[in-house]
C-alpha cells in the first residue's frame, strides 16, 4: 500500500487536533496521580510510534530506489580433450 502525503498530513492534523482538545479540556480535581501518569505515558508512546512510522515511511522510499545486486547463473565452460 502506497501512502500519499495528503493522507499522512490529514492523519497528522487529526491527531494534533485530538491532542489539543485533550489538553485544553480542564482536568477533574479528583484525578489520581497514577492515572495521570499512565495517560501521559500512553501519549508519549503514541507519539514515539507515530514518529517512527513517519521516519520509516520516508526512508523506505529511498531504500527501494537503491540499486540491487543481481546474480546471474552460468554454466561452466567445457574443455575439449586434446587428440
N, C-alpha and C. Protein backbone atom coordinates (compact mmCIF):
# COMPACT_ATOMS: atom_id res chain seq x y z
N UNK A 1 0.85 -1.18 0.00
CA UNK A 1 0.00 0.00 0.00
C UNK A 1 0.88 1.23 0.00
N UNK A 2 0.66 2.09 -0.95
CA UNK A 2 1.43 3.33 -1.07
C UNK A 2 0.73 4.43 -0.28
N UNK A 3 1.46 5.04 0.65
CA UNK A 3 0.89 6.13 1.45
C UNK A 3 1.20 7.44 0.77
N UNK A 4 0.17 8.25 0.57
CA UNK A 4 0.38 9.54 -0.07
C UNK A 4 0.50 10.62 0.99
N UNK A 5 1.20 11.69 0.65
CA UNK A 5 1.43 12.77 1.61
C UNK A 5 0.15 13.44 2.07
N UNK A 6 -0.87 13.66 1.21
CA UNK A 6 -2.10 14.27 1.75
C UNK A 6 -2.76 13.43 2.83
N UNK A 7 -2.73 12.10 2.70
CA UNK A 7 -3.35 11.27 3.73
C UNK A 7 -2.53 11.30 5.02
N UNK A 8 -1.21 11.35 4.90
CA UNK A 8 -0.36 11.44 6.09
C UNK A 8 -0.59 12.78 6.79
N UNK A 9 -0.69 13.82 6.01
CA UNK A 9 -0.93 15.15 6.60
C UNK A 9 -2.30 15.20 7.28
N UNK A 10 -3.29 14.57 6.67
CA UNK A 10 -4.63 14.57 7.26
C UNK A 10 -4.62 13.85 8.60
N UNK A 11 -3.97 12.70 8.65
CA UNK A 11 -3.89 11.95 9.91
C UNK A 11 -3.13 12.75 10.96
N UNK A 12 -2.06 13.42 10.54
CA UNK A 12 -1.28 14.23 11.48
C UNK A 12 -2.12 15.39 12.02
N UNK A 13 -2.89 16.04 11.18
CA UNK A 13 -3.74 17.15 11.62
C UNK A 13 -4.81 16.66 12.58
N UNK A 14 -5.41 15.52 12.28
CA UNK A 14 -6.43 14.96 13.17
C UNK A 14 -5.84 14.63 14.53
N UNK A 15 -4.63 14.04 14.55
CA UNK A 15 -4.00 13.71 15.82
C UNK A 15 -3.66 14.95 16.63
N UNK A 16 -3.19 16.00 15.96
CA UNK A 16 -2.88 17.25 16.66
C UNK A 16 -4.13 17.87 17.24
N UNK A 17 -5.23 17.86 16.49
CA UNK A 17 -6.48 18.42 16.99
C UNK A 17 -6.98 17.64 18.20
N UNK A 18 -6.89 16.31 18.14
CA UNK A 18 -7.34 15.49 19.27
C UNK A 18 -6.47 15.76 20.50
N UNK A 19 -5.16 15.83 20.30
CA UNK A 19 -4.27 16.10 21.43
C UNK A 19 -4.53 17.48 22.03
N UNK A 20 -4.73 18.48 21.17
CA UNK A 20 -5.02 19.83 21.68
C UNK A 20 -6.35 19.86 22.44
N UNK A 21 -7.35 19.16 21.93
CA UNK A 21 -8.64 19.12 22.62
C UNK A 21 -8.51 18.39 23.95
N UNK A 22 -7.67 17.38 24.00
CA UNK A 22 -7.47 16.64 25.25
C UNK A 22 -6.79 17.50 26.29
N UNK A 23 -5.74 18.21 25.89
CA UNK A 23 -5.02 19.04 26.84
C UNK A 23 -5.77 20.33 27.19
N UNK A 24 -6.62 20.81 26.29
CA UNK A 24 -7.35 22.05 26.54
C UNK A 24 -8.51 21.83 27.51
N UNK A 25 -9.04 20.61 27.56
CA UNK A 25 -10.15 20.32 28.47
C UNK A 25 -9.65 20.35 29.91
N UNK A 26 -10.38 20.98 30.78
CA UNK A 26 -9.93 21.04 32.18
C UNK A 26 -10.00 19.65 32.83
N UNK A 27 -9.01 19.34 33.61
CA UNK A 27 -8.97 18.06 34.30
C UNK A 27 -9.79 18.12 35.58
N UNK A 28 -10.35 16.98 35.97
CA UNK A 28 -11.11 16.94 37.22
C UNK A 28 -10.15 17.03 38.41
N UNK A 29 -10.63 17.57 39.46
CA UNK A 29 -9.79 17.76 40.64
C UNK A 29 -9.49 16.43 41.33
N UNK A 30 -10.36 15.42 41.15
CA UNK A 30 -10.14 14.17 41.85
C UNK A 30 -9.33 13.16 41.05
N UNK A 31 -8.70 13.59 39.96
CA UNK A 31 -7.88 12.68 39.15
C UNK A 31 -6.68 12.21 39.97
N UNK A 32 -6.44 10.92 39.91
CA UNK A 32 -5.33 10.35 40.67
C UNK A 32 -4.02 10.57 39.91
N UNK A 33 -2.95 10.62 40.66
CA UNK A 33 -1.64 10.85 40.06
C UNK A 33 -1.24 9.68 39.18
N UNK A 34 -1.52 8.46 39.61
CA UNK A 34 -1.15 7.28 38.83
C UNK A 34 -1.90 7.24 37.50
N UNK A 35 -3.17 7.60 37.50
CA UNK A 35 -3.95 7.63 36.26
C UNK A 35 -3.39 8.69 35.31
N UNK A 36 -3.01 9.83 35.85
CA UNK A 36 -2.46 10.90 35.03
C UNK A 36 -1.13 10.47 34.41
N UNK A 37 -0.29 9.83 35.20
CA UNK A 37 0.99 9.35 34.68
C UNK A 37 0.79 8.28 33.61
N UNK A 38 -0.19 7.42 33.79
CA UNK A 38 -0.47 6.38 32.80
C UNK A 38 -0.92 7.00 31.48
N UNK A 39 -1.79 7.99 31.54
CA UNK A 39 -2.27 8.65 30.33
C UNK A 39 -1.13 9.37 29.62
N UNK A 40 -0.32 10.09 30.38
CA UNK A 40 0.81 10.81 29.78
C UNK A 40 1.79 9.82 29.15
N UNK A 41 2.03 8.71 29.81
CA UNK A 41 2.93 7.69 29.26
C UNK A 41 2.39 7.13 27.95
N UNK A 42 1.10 6.86 27.90
CA UNK A 42 0.49 6.35 26.66
C UNK A 42 0.59 7.37 25.53
N UNK A 43 0.41 8.63 25.85
CA UNK A 43 0.53 9.67 24.83
C UNK A 43 1.96 9.73 24.31
N UNK A 44 2.93 9.65 25.20
CA UNK A 44 4.33 9.69 24.77
C UNK A 44 4.67 8.49 23.91
N UNK A 45 4.21 7.31 24.29
CA UNK A 45 4.45 6.11 23.48
C UNK A 45 3.79 6.25 22.11
N UNK A 46 2.59 6.80 22.07
CA UNK A 46 1.91 7.02 20.79
C UNK A 46 2.68 7.97 19.89
N UNK A 47 3.21 9.04 20.46
CA UNK A 47 3.99 10.00 19.67
C UNK A 47 5.26 9.34 19.14
N UNK A 48 5.91 8.53 19.95
CA UNK A 48 7.12 7.84 19.51
C UNK A 48 6.81 6.88 18.36
N UNK A 49 5.71 6.14 18.47
CA UNK A 49 5.33 5.20 17.42
C UNK A 49 5.02 5.94 16.12
N UNK A 50 4.27 7.02 16.21
CA UNK A 50 3.94 7.80 15.00
C UNK A 50 5.21 8.37 14.38
N UNK A 51 6.11 8.90 15.18
CA UNK A 51 7.36 9.45 14.66
C UNK A 51 8.18 8.36 13.98
N UNK A 52 8.24 7.17 14.59
CA UNK A 52 8.97 6.06 13.99
C UNK A 52 8.36 5.67 12.64
N UNK A 53 7.05 5.59 12.57
CA UNK A 53 6.39 5.22 11.32
C UNK A 53 6.60 6.26 10.23
N UNK A 54 6.57 7.53 10.60
CA UNK A 54 6.79 8.59 9.61
C UNK A 54 8.21 8.53 9.08
N UNK A 55 9.18 8.35 9.98
CA UNK A 55 10.58 8.27 9.55
C UNK A 55 10.80 7.03 8.70
N UNK A 56 10.23 5.91 9.09
CA UNK A 56 10.38 4.67 8.32
C UNK A 56 9.74 4.82 6.95
N UNK A 57 8.64 5.54 6.86
CA UNK A 57 7.97 5.73 5.59
C UNK A 57 8.80 6.59 4.65
N UNK A 58 9.44 7.63 5.17
CA UNK A 58 10.24 8.49 4.30
C UNK A 58 11.53 7.81 3.88
N UNK A 59 12.14 7.02 4.75
CA UNK A 59 13.38 6.33 4.40
C UNK A 59 13.12 5.10 3.55
N UNK A 60 11.95 4.51 3.64
CA UNK A 60 11.63 3.32 2.87
C UNK A 60 11.63 3.58 1.38
N UNK A 61 11.17 4.74 0.96
CA UNK A 61 11.14 5.04 -0.47
C UNK A 61 12.54 5.21 -1.02
N UNK A 62 13.47 5.70 -0.21
CA UNK A 62 14.85 5.88 -0.66
C UNK A 62 15.55 4.53 -0.78
N UNK A 63 15.25 3.62 0.11
CA UNK A 63 15.89 2.31 0.09
C UNK A 63 15.44 1.53 -1.14
N UNK A 64 14.17 1.64 -1.52
CA UNK A 64 13.67 0.88 -2.65
C UNK A 64 14.26 1.37 -3.97
N UNK A 65 14.74 2.62 -4.03
CA UNK A 65 15.32 3.16 -5.25
C UNK A 65 16.80 2.81 -5.38
N UNK A 66 17.39 2.24 -4.35
CA UNK A 66 18.82 1.91 -4.39
C UNK A 66 19.04 0.76 -5.37
N UNK A 67 20.18 0.78 -6.06
CA UNK A 67 20.45 -0.33 -6.99
C UNK A 67 20.62 -1.64 -6.24
N UNK A 68 20.16 -2.70 -6.85
CA UNK A 68 20.23 -4.01 -6.21
C UNK A 68 21.18 -4.91 -6.99
N UNK A 69 21.88 -5.78 -6.28
CA UNK A 69 22.80 -6.71 -6.88
C UNK A 69 22.01 -7.86 -7.50
N UNK A 70 22.30 -8.19 -8.75
CA UNK A 70 21.60 -9.26 -9.45
C UNK A 70 22.60 -10.37 -9.72
N UNK A 71 22.27 -11.58 -9.28
CA UNK A 71 23.13 -12.73 -9.50
C UNK A 71 22.69 -13.44 -10.77
N UNK A 72 23.66 -13.79 -11.60
CA UNK A 72 23.36 -14.49 -12.85
C UNK A 72 24.08 -15.83 -12.81
N UNK A 73 23.33 -16.89 -13.01
CA UNK A 73 23.92 -18.22 -13.01
C UNK A 73 24.37 -18.57 -14.42
N UNK A 74 25.57 -19.13 -14.53
CA UNK A 74 26.09 -19.54 -15.83
C UNK A 74 26.69 -20.93 -15.72
N UNK A 75 26.68 -21.64 -16.83
CA UNK A 75 27.27 -22.97 -16.85
C UNK A 75 28.78 -22.84 -16.99
N UNK A 76 29.52 -23.75 -16.37
CA UNK A 76 30.98 -23.66 -16.53
C UNK A 76 31.40 -24.00 -17.97
N UNK A 77 32.47 -23.40 -18.40
CA UNK A 77 32.96 -23.65 -19.76
C UNK A 77 33.46 -25.09 -19.86
N UNK A 78 33.17 -25.73 -20.97
CA UNK A 78 33.64 -27.11 -21.17
C UNK A 78 34.95 -27.09 -21.93
N UNK A 79 35.86 -27.95 -21.52
CA UNK A 79 37.15 -28.03 -22.20
C UNK A 79 37.12 -29.23 -23.15
N UNK A 80 37.70 -29.04 -24.30
CA UNK A 80 37.76 -30.16 -25.27
C UNK A 80 39.07 -30.92 -25.04
N UNK A 81 39.00 -32.21 -25.16
CA UNK A 81 40.18 -33.06 -24.94
C UNK A 81 41.11 -32.95 -26.14
N UNK A 82 42.40 -32.90 -25.88
CA UNK A 82 43.39 -32.81 -26.96
C UNK A 82 43.57 -34.20 -27.59
N UNK A 83 43.73 -34.31 -28.94
CA UNK A 83 43.91 -35.62 -29.58
C UNK A 83 45.22 -36.26 -29.33
